[in-house]
Structures are given as structure tokens and as C-alpha cells.
Amino acid sequence: MQLPAPPLAVIAAALRRERDRAGISLTELARRAGLAKSTLSQLEAGTGNPSIETLWALGVALGIPFSRLVEPPPSPVRVVRAGDGPRLRSEHAEFVGTLLATGSPNTRRDIYVIELEPGEPREAEAHIPGTIEHIVVASGRIRTGPVEEPVEVGPGDYVTFPGDVPHRYEALEPAWAVLIMEHR
């Protein structure tokens, strides 16, 4: 399945905006995120091709939710058709995340649709402190949760766990789910 490219112009503008807001240099952000300065420079120029892991690392380094890096400016009415929206693929697992909505500055929550295929699990680093993940499985079966205590969930099941510790997503069969990330 061919996926559309990540929203590079949105990512570039968001990186510049959030780095300026944080008052840190390109070099310092690259150091904090564990990236090469040239990689970050390309992303800010809109010419890179970031993975979901790279954007998560940048969000953690900036102390912001991942969604602030991929979400275009809001509109009063917004529809995301099935298969549309900013879709980002993992480098290490058959995992695709599609951002559906971000929280306002007061709500601090983001909503995604995630698609998983059996194979290598998606190992996620800890997100910003206070992050809680909520998942409702729409189809398939997945094993998810903190690395130390993942649980198996299937269609219609709901699971919540701390997102500020290392955690994982593993498809036991092709699956998709709604993921709500709550940032406290």
C-alpha cells in the first residue's frame, strides 16, 4: 500500500515555530533529540522525510505533544475522510499513525487512528511527563501497554496506560484502533 508523504511544509513550519518558542538553537534541539544537525536542518527546510520516531524524539526534546509538529492550523469545521490525514509510518514496525485531531491549549489531547500489521512490534519511547494513552480497538487483536506489562485486546476492547514510560504496540493480526493521547 502506497502512503502519502508526511505533511512536510506543516512539519517544517511547526519545528521552526516551536524551536523559536523554546528559545533554543538548531544545534541544541538536534542534540536533545539525538539527531544530526543536518537532519534537523532538512526537516526545518521541508526537504527531509521524517519517521514517526524522529518526530516523537523532537516532540519530547521540545516538551510538546507530537501532534503540534504534524497538525495544520485549525479550521472551525474539520472532516478527516477515511484514509486521509497526516499518515506517518514507523521505521521499525508495520505501524501507521494518522492524526485526526489535536487538543486545544486547554484540553491537551490528541486523537489518532493507528493501523498495525503482524511482525516487529512498535517500541515507543516515553512521551512527555503525564501522558496517558487510551486505545479502543476497532478490528483485529493487539498487544499493547507498558513494556513490563502489555495486555492483549481485541475488537471493542478499551485499554489505558501511562504513555510517559517505554511502551509497545504489537499486532497479533491485522488491526486498527483509535488512540487518544492525553497530555497533563
N, C-alpha and C. Protein backbone atom coordinates (compact mmCIF):
# COMPACT_ATOMS: atom_id res chain seq x y z
N MET A 1 0.85 -1.18 0.00
CA MET A 1 0.00 0.00 0.00
C MET A 1 0.90 1.24 0.00
N GLN A 2 0.70 2.13 -0.94
CA GLN A 2 1.46 3.38 -1.04
C GLN A 2 0.83 4.44 -0.15
N LEU A 3 1.62 4.98 0.77
CA LEU A 3 1.12 6.01 1.68
C LEU A 3 1.49 7.39 1.16
N PRO A 4 0.64 8.39 1.40
CA PRO A 4 1.02 9.75 1.03
C PRO A 4 2.20 10.20 1.88
N ALA A 5 2.94 11.14 1.35
CA ALA A 5 4.10 11.67 2.07
C ALA A 5 3.64 12.40 3.33
N PRO A 6 4.53 12.44 4.36
CA PRO A 6 4.17 13.23 5.55
C PRO A 6 3.97 14.70 5.17
N PRO A 7 3.24 15.46 5.97
CA PRO A 7 2.96 16.87 5.66
C PRO A 7 4.21 17.74 5.91
N LEU A 8 5.16 17.71 4.97
CA LEU A 8 6.47 18.33 5.18
C LEU A 8 6.41 19.83 5.45
N ALA A 9 5.58 20.57 4.73
CA ALA A 9 5.51 22.02 4.94
C ALA A 9 4.98 22.34 6.34
N VAL A 10 3.99 21.58 6.80
CA VAL A 10 3.43 21.78 8.13
C VAL A 10 4.49 21.46 9.19
N ILE A 11 5.20 20.34 8.99
CA ILE A 11 6.24 19.93 9.94
C ILE A 11 7.35 20.98 9.99
N ALA A 12 7.79 21.46 8.83
CA ALA A 12 8.86 22.46 8.79
C ALA A 12 8.47 23.73 9.54
N ALA A 13 7.27 24.24 9.27
CA ALA A 13 6.82 25.46 9.94
C ALA A 13 6.67 25.24 11.45
N ALA A 14 6.13 24.08 11.83
CA ALA A 14 5.93 23.79 13.25
C ALA A 14 7.27 23.67 13.98
N LEU A 15 8.24 23.03 13.36
CA LEU A 15 9.56 22.90 14.00
C LEU A 15 10.19 24.27 14.24
N ARG A 16 10.15 25.12 13.23
CA ARG A 16 10.72 26.47 13.40
C ARG A 16 9.98 27.23 14.49
N ARG A 17 8.63 27.17 14.47
CA ARG A 17 7.82 27.88 15.45
C ARG A 17 8.10 27.38 16.86
N GLU A 18 8.11 26.07 17.06
CA GLU A 18 8.29 25.51 18.40
C GLU A 18 9.73 25.68 18.89
N ARG A 19 10.70 25.61 18.00
CA ARG A 19 12.09 25.82 18.40
C ARG A 19 12.29 27.27 18.82
N ASP A 20 11.69 28.21 18.06
CA ASP A 20 11.77 29.63 18.42
C ASP A 20 11.07 29.88 19.75
N ARG A 21 9.90 29.26 19.94
CA ARG A 21 9.15 29.42 21.19
C ARG A 21 9.98 28.94 22.38
N ALA A 22 10.71 27.83 22.18
CA ALA A 22 11.53 27.27 23.25
C ALA A 22 12.84 28.06 23.44
N GLY A 23 13.18 28.88 22.45
CA GLY A 23 14.39 29.69 22.55
C GLY A 23 15.67 28.88 22.48
N ILE A 24 15.66 27.82 21.65
CA ILE A 24 16.87 27.01 21.52
C ILE A 24 17.36 26.98 20.09
N SER A 25 18.64 26.76 19.93
CA SER A 25 19.26 26.74 18.60
C SER A 25 18.97 25.41 17.91
N LEU A 26 19.22 25.40 16.61
CA LEU A 26 19.10 24.19 15.81
C LEU A 26 20.04 23.12 16.37
N THR A 27 21.25 23.52 16.70
CA THR A 27 22.25 22.59 17.23
C THR A 27 21.77 21.98 18.55
N GLU A 28 21.24 22.82 19.44
CA GLU A 28 20.78 22.33 20.74
C GLU A 28 19.59 21.39 20.60
N LEU A 29 18.63 21.71 19.73
CA LEU A 29 17.49 20.82 19.54
C LEU A 29 17.95 19.49 18.97
N ALA A 30 18.84 19.52 18.00
CA ALA A 30 19.36 18.28 17.42
C ALA A 30 20.02 17.43 18.51
N ARG A 31 20.81 18.06 19.38
CA ARG A 31 21.47 17.34 20.46
C ARG A 31 20.45 16.71 21.39
N ARG A 32 19.45 17.49 21.83
CA ARG A 32 18.43 16.98 22.76
C ARG A 32 17.63 15.83 22.16
N ALA A 33 17.37 15.88 20.86
CA ALA A 33 16.56 14.84 20.20
C ALA A 33 17.40 13.67 19.72
N GLY A 34 18.73 13.78 19.83
CA GLY A 34 19.60 12.69 19.36
C GLY A 34 19.65 12.58 17.85
N LEU A 35 19.54 13.72 17.16
CA LEU A 35 19.55 13.74 15.70
C LEU A 35 20.77 14.49 15.18
N ALA A 36 21.14 14.23 13.95
CA ALA A 36 22.18 15.01 13.30
C ALA A 36 21.62 16.40 13.02
N LYS A 37 22.46 17.43 13.17
CA LYS A 37 22.03 18.80 12.89
C LYS A 37 21.57 18.91 11.44
N SER A 38 22.24 18.22 10.53
CA SER A 38 21.85 18.27 9.11
C SER A 38 20.44 17.71 8.89
N THR A 39 20.09 16.66 9.64
CA THR A 39 18.75 16.08 9.53
C THR A 39 17.70 17.09 9.97
N LEU A 40 17.95 17.74 11.12
CA LEU A 40 17.01 18.74 11.62
C LEU A 40 16.91 19.92 10.67
N SER A 41 18.04 20.33 10.12
CA SER A 41 18.06 21.44 9.16
C SER A 41 17.20 21.11 7.94
N GLN A 42 17.32 19.88 7.44
CA GLN A 42 16.50 19.45 6.30
C GLN A 42 15.02 19.47 6.66
N LEU A 43 14.68 19.00 7.86
CA LEU A 43 13.27 18.99 8.27
C LEU A 43 12.72 20.40 8.35
N GLU A 44 13.50 21.33 8.91
CA GLU A 44 13.03 22.72 9.00
C GLU A 44 12.93 23.37 7.63
N ALA A 45 13.69 22.88 6.66
CA ALA A 45 13.62 23.39 5.29
C ALA A 45 12.50 22.71 4.49
N GLY A 46 11.87 21.69 5.09
CA GLY A 46 10.79 20.99 4.40
C GLY A 46 11.28 19.99 3.37
N THR A 47 12.55 19.57 3.47
CA THR A 47 13.08 18.64 2.48
C THR A 47 13.38 17.27 3.04
N GLY A 48 13.24 17.07 4.35
CA GLY A 48 13.50 15.76 4.95
C GLY A 48 12.33 14.83 4.79
N ASN A 49 12.50 13.60 5.25
CA ASN A 49 11.42 12.61 5.23
C ASN A 49 11.39 11.95 6.60
N PRO A 50 10.77 12.62 7.60
CA PRO A 50 10.85 12.14 8.98
C PRO A 50 10.04 10.89 9.23
N SER A 51 10.59 10.03 10.08
CA SER A 51 9.82 8.87 10.57
C SER A 51 9.04 9.32 11.80
N ILE A 52 8.13 8.49 12.23
CA ILE A 52 7.36 8.79 13.43
C ILE A 52 8.29 8.86 14.65
N GLU A 53 9.35 8.02 14.66
CA GLU A 53 10.29 8.04 15.78
C GLU A 53 11.04 9.37 15.85
N THR A 54 11.43 9.91 14.70
CA THR A 54 12.13 11.19 14.67
C THR A 54 11.24 12.30 15.19
N LEU A 55 9.99 12.32 14.77
CA LEU A 55 9.07 13.38 15.22
C LEU A 55 8.75 13.24 16.71
N TRP A 56 8.62 12.00 17.21
CA TRP A 56 8.38 11.82 18.64
C TRP A 56 9.57 12.34 19.43
N ALA A 57 10.80 12.02 18.96
CA ALA A 57 12.01 12.49 19.66
C ALA A 57 12.04 14.01 19.70
N LEU A 58 11.67 14.65 18.59
CA LEU A 58 11.65 16.12 18.56
C LEU A 58 10.58 16.68 19.50
N GLY A 59 9.41 16.05 19.54
CA GLY A 59 8.36 16.49 20.45
C GLY A 59 8.80 16.41 21.90
N VAL A 60 9.44 15.28 22.26
CA VAL A 60 9.92 15.12 23.63
C VAL A 60 10.99 16.17 23.93
N ALA A 61 11.92 16.38 22.99
CA ALA A 61 13.00 17.36 23.18
C ALA A 61 12.45 18.77 23.34
N LEU A 62 11.33 19.07 22.67
CA LEU A 62 10.72 20.40 22.76
C LEU A 62 9.70 20.49 23.91
N GLY A 63 9.36 19.34 24.52
CA GLY A 63 8.38 19.33 25.60
C GLY A 63 6.96 19.59 25.12
N ILE A 64 6.65 19.12 23.90
CA ILE A 64 5.32 19.34 23.32
C ILE A 64 4.74 18.02 22.83
N PRO A 65 3.42 17.94 22.69
CA PRO A 65 2.83 16.75 22.08
C PRO A 65 3.27 16.62 20.62
N PHE A 66 3.46 15.40 20.19
CA PHE A 66 3.81 15.07 18.81
C PHE A 66 2.90 15.78 17.80
N SER A 67 1.62 15.89 18.14
CA SER A 67 0.64 16.44 17.20
C SER A 67 0.96 17.87 16.78
N ARG A 68 1.60 18.65 17.65
CA ARG A 68 1.92 20.03 17.29
C ARG A 68 2.89 20.12 16.12
N LEU A 69 3.55 19.00 15.82
CA LEU A 69 4.51 19.01 14.71
C LEU A 69 3.88 18.60 13.38
N VAL A 70 2.72 17.97 13.40
CA VAL A 70 2.14 17.47 12.15
C VAL A 70 0.75 18.01 11.83
N GLU A 71 0.14 18.72 12.76
CA GLU A 71 -1.23 19.21 12.56
C GLU A 71 -1.23 20.58 11.90
N PRO A 72 -1.96 20.75 10.80
CA PRO A 72 -2.08 22.08 10.20
C PRO A 72 -2.90 23.01 11.09
N PRO A 73 -2.82 24.32 10.86
CA PRO A 73 -3.63 25.26 11.66
C PRO A 73 -5.11 24.86 11.63
N PRO A 74 -5.83 25.04 12.76
CA PRO A 74 -7.21 24.57 12.86
C PRO A 74 -8.20 25.38 12.02
N SER A 75 -9.30 24.71 11.69
CA SER A 75 -10.43 25.31 10.99
C SER A 75 -11.66 25.09 11.87
N PRO A 76 -12.69 25.96 11.79
CA PRO A 76 -13.87 25.77 12.65
C PRO A 76 -14.60 24.45 12.38
N VAL A 77 -14.62 23.97 11.15
CA VAL A 77 -15.24 22.69 10.81
C VAL A 77 -14.18 21.87 10.11
N ARG A 78 -13.99 20.66 10.58
CA ARG A 78 -12.95 19.82 10.01
C ARG A 78 -13.46 18.40 9.84
N VAL A 79 -13.29 17.85 8.66
CA VAL A 79 -13.65 16.47 8.37
C VAL A 79 -12.38 15.77 7.91
N VAL A 80 -12.11 14.61 8.48
CA VAL A 80 -11.00 13.78 8.01
C VAL A 80 -11.62 12.52 7.45
N ARG A 81 -11.58 12.39 6.14
CA ARG A 81 -12.15 11.22 5.48
C ARG A 81 -11.27 10.00 5.73
N ALA A 82 -11.89 8.82 5.76
CA ALA A 82 -11.13 7.59 5.94
C ALA A 82 -10.01 7.52 4.91
N GLY A 83 -8.80 7.26 5.39
CA GLY A 83 -7.64 7.18 4.51
C GLY A 83 -6.93 8.51 4.31
N ASP A 84 -7.52 9.62 4.78
CA ASP A 84 -6.88 10.93 4.67
C ASP A 84 -6.24 11.30 6.00
N GLY A 85 -5.64 12.46 6.05
CA GLY A 85 -4.98 12.93 7.26
C GLY A 85 -3.50 12.64 7.20
N PRO A 86 -2.73 13.31 8.05
CA PRO A 86 -1.28 13.10 8.04
C PRO A 86 -0.95 11.70 8.55
N ARG A 87 -0.43 10.86 7.65
CA ARG A 87 -0.11 9.46 7.97
C ARG A 87 1.40 9.31 8.05
N LEU A 88 1.85 8.75 9.15
CA LEU A 88 3.28 8.54 9.34
C LEU A 88 3.54 7.09 9.68
N ARG A 89 4.56 6.54 9.04
CA ARG A 89 4.92 5.13 9.21
C ARG A 89 6.11 5.00 10.14
N SER A 90 6.12 3.95 10.93
CA SER A 90 7.25 3.62 11.79
C SER A 90 8.39 3.07 10.96
N GLU A 91 9.62 3.32 11.40
CA GLU A 91 10.80 2.74 10.73
C GLU A 91 10.97 1.28 11.09
N HIS A 92 10.50 0.87 12.27
CA HIS A 92 10.86 -0.43 12.80
C HIS A 92 9.72 -1.44 12.88
N ALA A 93 8.50 -1.04 12.55
CA ALA A 93 7.36 -1.95 12.66
C ALA A 93 6.32 -1.56 11.63
N GLU A 94 5.41 -2.49 11.35
CA GLU A 94 4.30 -2.20 10.45
C GLU A 94 3.24 -1.45 11.25
N PHE A 95 3.49 -0.17 11.47
CA PHE A 95 2.66 0.69 12.31
C PHE A 95 2.51 2.01 11.58
N VAL A 96 1.25 2.42 11.35
CA VAL A 96 0.96 3.71 10.72
C VAL A 96 0.04 4.48 11.65
N GLY A 97 0.39 5.73 11.94
CA GLY A 97 -0.45 6.58 12.76
C GLY A 97 -1.00 7.72 11.93
N THR A 98 -2.29 7.97 12.05
CA THR A 98 -2.94 9.08 11.36
C THR A 98 -3.56 10.00 12.40
N LEU A 99 -3.06 11.22 12.45
CA LEU A 99 -3.58 12.20 13.41
C LEU A 99 -4.95 12.68 12.93
N LEU A 100 -5.96 12.55 13.80
CA LEU A 100 -7.30 13.01 13.46
C LEU A 100 -7.59 14.38 14.05
N ALA A 101 -7.17 14.63 15.29
CA ALA A 101 -7.45 15.91 15.93
C ALA A 101 -6.48 16.14 17.07
N THR A 102 -6.18 17.41 17.28
CA THR A 102 -5.35 17.78 18.42
C THR A 102 -6.22 18.50 19.44
N GLY A 103 -5.76 18.51 20.65
CA GLY A 103 -6.48 19.23 21.69
C GLY A 103 -6.14 20.70 21.62
N SER A 104 -7.05 21.51 22.10
CA SER A 104 -6.78 22.94 22.20
C SER A 104 -5.75 23.12 23.31
N PRO A 105 -5.17 24.32 23.44
CA PRO A 105 -4.18 24.50 24.51
C PRO A 105 -4.71 24.14 25.89
N ASN A 106 -6.01 24.19 26.09
CA ASN A 106 -6.57 23.87 27.41
C ASN A 106 -6.90 22.40 27.60
N THR A 107 -7.15 21.65 26.52
CA THR A 107 -7.54 20.26 26.66
C THR A 107 -6.38 19.29 26.58
N ARG A 108 -5.38 19.60 25.82
CA ARG A 108 -4.17 18.79 25.70
C ARG A 108 -4.47 17.31 25.47
N ARG A 109 -5.14 17.02 24.39
CA ARG A 109 -5.37 15.64 23.98
C ARG A 109 -5.33 15.59 22.46
N ASP A 110 -4.86 14.47 21.94
CA ASP A 110 -4.77 14.25 20.51
C ASP A 110 -5.46 12.93 20.20
N ILE A 111 -6.06 12.85 19.00
CA ILE A 111 -6.78 11.64 18.60
C ILE A 111 -6.15 11.12 17.30
N TYR A 112 -5.86 9.82 17.27
CA TYR A 112 -5.25 9.18 16.11
C TYR A 112 -6.03 7.93 15.73
N VAL A 113 -5.87 7.52 14.49
CA VAL A 113 -6.22 6.17 14.06
C VAL A 113 -4.87 5.49 13.84
N ILE A 114 -4.69 4.31 14.42
CA ILE A 114 -3.45 3.58 14.20
C ILE A 114 -3.76 2.28 13.46
N GLU A 115 -2.88 1.93 12.55
CA GLU A 115 -3.00 0.70 11.77
C GLU A 115 -1.77 -0.14 12.04
N LEU A 116 -1.98 -1.42 12.34
CA LEU A 116 -0.86 -2.29 12.68
C LEU A 116 -0.95 -3.58 11.89
N GLU A 117 0.21 -4.08 11.51
CA GLU A 117 0.31 -5.37 10.83
C GLU A 117 1.21 -6.28 11.66
N PRO A 118 0.96 -7.60 11.63
CA PRO A 118 1.83 -8.51 12.37
C PRO A 118 3.28 -8.36 11.91
N GLY A 119 4.18 -8.63 12.81
CA GLY A 119 5.61 -8.51 12.52
C GLY A 119 6.29 -7.89 13.71
N GLU A 120 7.32 -7.13 13.45
CA GLU A 120 8.08 -6.48 14.52
C GLU A 120 7.18 -5.53 15.29
N PRO A 121 7.18 -5.60 16.65
CA PRO A 121 6.36 -4.66 17.42
C PRO A 121 6.90 -3.24 17.32
N ARG A 122 6.04 -2.26 17.52
CA ARG A 122 6.44 -0.85 17.58
C ARG A 122 6.81 -0.57 19.02
N GLU A 123 8.08 -0.32 19.26
CA GLU A 123 8.58 0.01 20.59
C GLU A 123 8.60 1.52 20.70
N ALA A 124 7.81 2.09 21.59
CA ALA A 124 7.71 3.53 21.73
C ALA A 124 8.47 4.00 22.97
N GLU A 125 9.23 5.06 22.79
CA GLU A 125 9.91 5.68 23.92
C GLU A 125 8.88 6.42 24.77
N ALA A 126 9.28 6.78 25.97
CA ALA A 126 8.40 7.54 26.85
C ALA A 126 8.09 8.90 26.23
N HIS A 127 6.83 9.33 26.32
CA HIS A 127 6.41 10.64 25.83
C HIS A 127 6.60 11.66 26.96
N ILE A 128 6.13 12.87 26.74
CA ILE A 128 6.31 13.91 27.75
C ILE A 128 5.64 13.49 29.07
N PRO A 129 6.19 13.92 30.21
CA PRO A 129 5.65 13.50 31.51
C PRO A 129 4.15 13.79 31.63
N GLY A 130 3.44 12.83 32.23
CA GLY A 130 2.00 12.97 32.44
C GLY A 130 1.15 12.46 31.29
N THR A 131 1.76 11.95 30.22
CA THR A 131 0.99 11.44 29.08
C THR A 131 0.30 10.13 29.45
N ILE A 132 -0.98 10.04 29.11
CA ILE A 132 -1.78 8.82 29.29
C ILE A 132 -2.31 8.44 27.90
N GLU A 133 -2.23 7.15 27.56
CA GLU A 133 -2.77 6.67 26.29
C GLU A 133 -4.06 5.91 26.55
N HIS A 134 -5.05 6.14 25.66
CA HIS A 134 -6.33 5.45 25.69
C HIS A 134 -6.50 4.82 24.31
N ILE A 135 -6.80 3.53 24.24
CA ILE A 135 -6.94 2.85 22.95
C ILE A 135 -8.25 2.06 22.95
N VAL A 136 -9.00 2.21 21.84
CA VAL A 136 -10.18 1.39 21.59
C VAL A 136 -9.91 0.66 20.28
N VAL A 137 -9.92 -0.66 20.34
CA VAL A 137 -9.62 -1.48 19.16
C VAL A 137 -10.89 -1.58 18.31
N ALA A 138 -10.75 -1.27 17.02
CA ALA A 138 -11.89 -1.37 16.09
C ALA A 138 -11.91 -2.74 15.41
N SER A 139 -10.74 -3.24 15.01
CA SER A 139 -10.68 -4.57 14.41
C SER A 139 -9.31 -5.16 14.64
N GLY A 140 -9.26 -6.51 14.65
CA GLY A 140 -8.00 -7.21 14.88
C GLY A 140 -7.69 -7.34 16.35
N ARG A 141 -6.49 -7.86 16.62
CA ARG A 141 -6.04 -8.05 18.00
C ARG A 141 -4.65 -7.46 18.13
N ILE A 142 -4.42 -6.77 19.25
CA ILE A 142 -3.11 -6.19 19.50
C ILE A 142 -2.68 -6.47 20.94
N ARG A 143 -1.38 -6.44 21.15
CA ARG A 143 -0.80 -6.49 22.49
C ARG A 143 -0.15 -5.13 22.69
N THR A 144 -0.55 -4.42 23.74
CA THR A 144 -0.07 -3.06 23.94
C THR A 144 0.03 -2.75 25.43
N GLY A 145 0.73 -1.68 25.72
CA GLY A 145 0.88 -1.22 27.09
C GLY A 145 2.34 -1.02 27.45
N PRO A 146 2.60 -0.73 28.72
CA PRO A 146 3.99 -0.57 29.16
C PRO A 146 4.78 -1.84 28.83
N VAL A 147 6.05 -1.69 28.51
CA VAL A 147 6.90 -2.82 28.13
C VAL A 147 6.83 -3.93 29.17
N GLU A 148 6.76 -3.57 30.45
CA GLU A 148 6.75 -4.57 31.52
C GLU A 148 5.43 -5.32 31.66
N GLU A 149 4.32 -4.74 31.19
CA GLU A 149 3.04 -5.41 31.38
C GLU A 149 2.06 -5.15 30.24
N PRO A 150 2.42 -5.56 29.00
CA PRO A 150 1.47 -5.38 27.91
C PRO A 150 0.26 -6.31 28.09
N VAL A 151 -0.87 -5.90 27.51
CA VAL A 151 -2.09 -6.70 27.57
C VAL A 151 -2.59 -6.94 26.16
N GLU A 152 -3.34 -8.02 25.99
CA GLU A 152 -3.92 -8.33 24.69
C GLU A 152 -5.35 -7.80 24.65
N VAL A 153 -5.69 -7.07 23.59
CA VAL A 153 -7.03 -6.51 23.43
C VAL A 153 -7.52 -6.77 22.01
N GLY A 154 -8.86 -6.85 21.88
CA GLY A 154 -9.46 -7.12 20.59
C GLY A 154 -10.59 -6.16 20.30
N PRO A 155 -11.38 -6.43 19.26
CA PRO A 155 -12.43 -5.52 18.81
C PRO A 155 -13.36 -5.10 19.94
N GLY A 156 -13.53 -3.78 20.08
CA GLY A 156 -14.40 -3.22 21.10
C GLY A 156 -13.73 -3.04 22.45
N ASP A 157 -12.55 -3.64 22.66
CA ASP A 157 -11.86 -3.50 23.95
C ASP A 157 -11.24 -2.12 24.07
N TYR A 158 -11.17 -1.66 25.32
CA TYR A 158 -10.54 -0.38 25.67
C TYR A 158 -9.41 -0.66 26.64
N VAL A 159 -8.28 0.01 26.45
CA VAL A 159 -7.16 -0.09 27.38
C VAL A 159 -6.57 1.30 27.57
N THR A 160 -6.11 1.58 28.78
CA THR A 160 -5.43 2.84 29.05
C THR A 160 -4.16 2.52 29.84
N PHE A 161 -3.12 3.31 29.61
CA PHE A 161 -1.85 3.08 30.30
C PHE A 161 -1.00 4.34 30.23
N PRO A 162 0.01 4.43 31.10
CA PRO A 162 0.90 5.59 31.07
C PRO A 162 1.70 5.62 29.76
N GLY A 163 1.71 6.75 29.10
CA GLY A 163 2.50 6.91 27.88
C GLY A 163 3.85 7.55 28.15
N ASP A 164 4.10 7.88 29.42
CA ASP A 164 5.37 8.51 29.75
C ASP A 164 6.40 7.50 30.26
N VAL A 165 6.18 6.23 29.91
CA VAL A 165 7.15 5.16 30.14
C VAL A 165 7.29 4.41 28.82
N PRO A 166 8.40 3.68 28.60
CA PRO A 166 8.51 2.90 27.36
C PRO A 166 7.32 1.95 27.23
N HIS A 167 6.76 1.88 26.03
CA HIS A 167 5.59 1.04 25.80
C HIS A 167 5.65 0.48 24.39
N ARG A 168 4.70 -0.40 24.09
CA ARG A 168 4.75 -1.09 22.80
C ARG A 168 3.36 -1.30 22.21
N TYR A 169 3.37 -1.52 20.89
CA TYR A 169 2.16 -1.88 20.15
C TYR A 169 2.57 -3.07 19.28
N GLU A 170 1.85 -4.17 19.40
CA GLU A 170 2.16 -5.36 18.61
C GLU A 170 0.88 -5.92 18.02
N ALA A 171 0.84 -6.05 16.70
CA ALA A 171 -0.34 -6.63 16.04
C ALA A 171 -0.24 -8.15 16.10
N LEU A 172 -1.27 -8.78 16.62
CA LEU A 172 -1.34 -10.24 16.62
C LEU A 172 -2.02 -10.72 15.34
N GLU A 173 -2.71 -9.79 14.70
CA GLU A 173 -3.33 -9.97 13.38
C GLU A 173 -3.54 -8.56 12.85
N PRO A 174 -3.81 -8.39 11.55
CA PRO A 174 -4.02 -7.01 11.07
C PRO A 174 -5.06 -6.31 11.94
N ALA A 175 -4.75 -5.06 12.33
CA ALA A 175 -5.63 -4.37 13.27
C ALA A 175 -5.63 -2.87 13.01
N TRP A 176 -6.69 -2.23 13.49
CA TRP A 176 -6.70 -0.77 13.57
C TRP A 176 -7.47 -0.38 14.82
N ALA A 177 -7.10 0.79 15.33
CA ALA A 177 -7.67 1.24 16.61
C ALA A 177 -7.67 2.75 16.65
N VAL A 178 -8.45 3.29 17.58
CA VAL A 178 -8.44 4.72 17.87
C VAL A 178 -7.57 4.91 19.10
N LEU A 179 -6.61 5.83 19.00
CA LEU A 179 -5.70 6.14 20.09
C LEU A 179 -5.93 7.59 20.51
N ILE A 180 -6.20 7.79 21.79
CA ILE A 180 -6.32 9.15 22.33
C ILE A 180 -5.16 9.34 23.29
N MET A 181 -4.35 10.37 23.01
CA MET A 181 -3.23 10.70 23.88
C MET A 181 -3.62 11.91 24.70
N GLU A 182 -3.59 11.73 26.01
CA GLU A 182 -3.95 12.80 26.95
C GLU A 182 -2.65 13.31 27.55
N HIS A 183 -2.44 14.61 27.43
CA HIS A 183 -1.22 15.23 27.95
C HIS A 183 -1.62 16.11 29.14
N ARG A 184 -1.09 15.79 30.31
CA ARG A 184 -1.45 16.55 31.51
C ARG A 184 -0.48 17.65 31.78
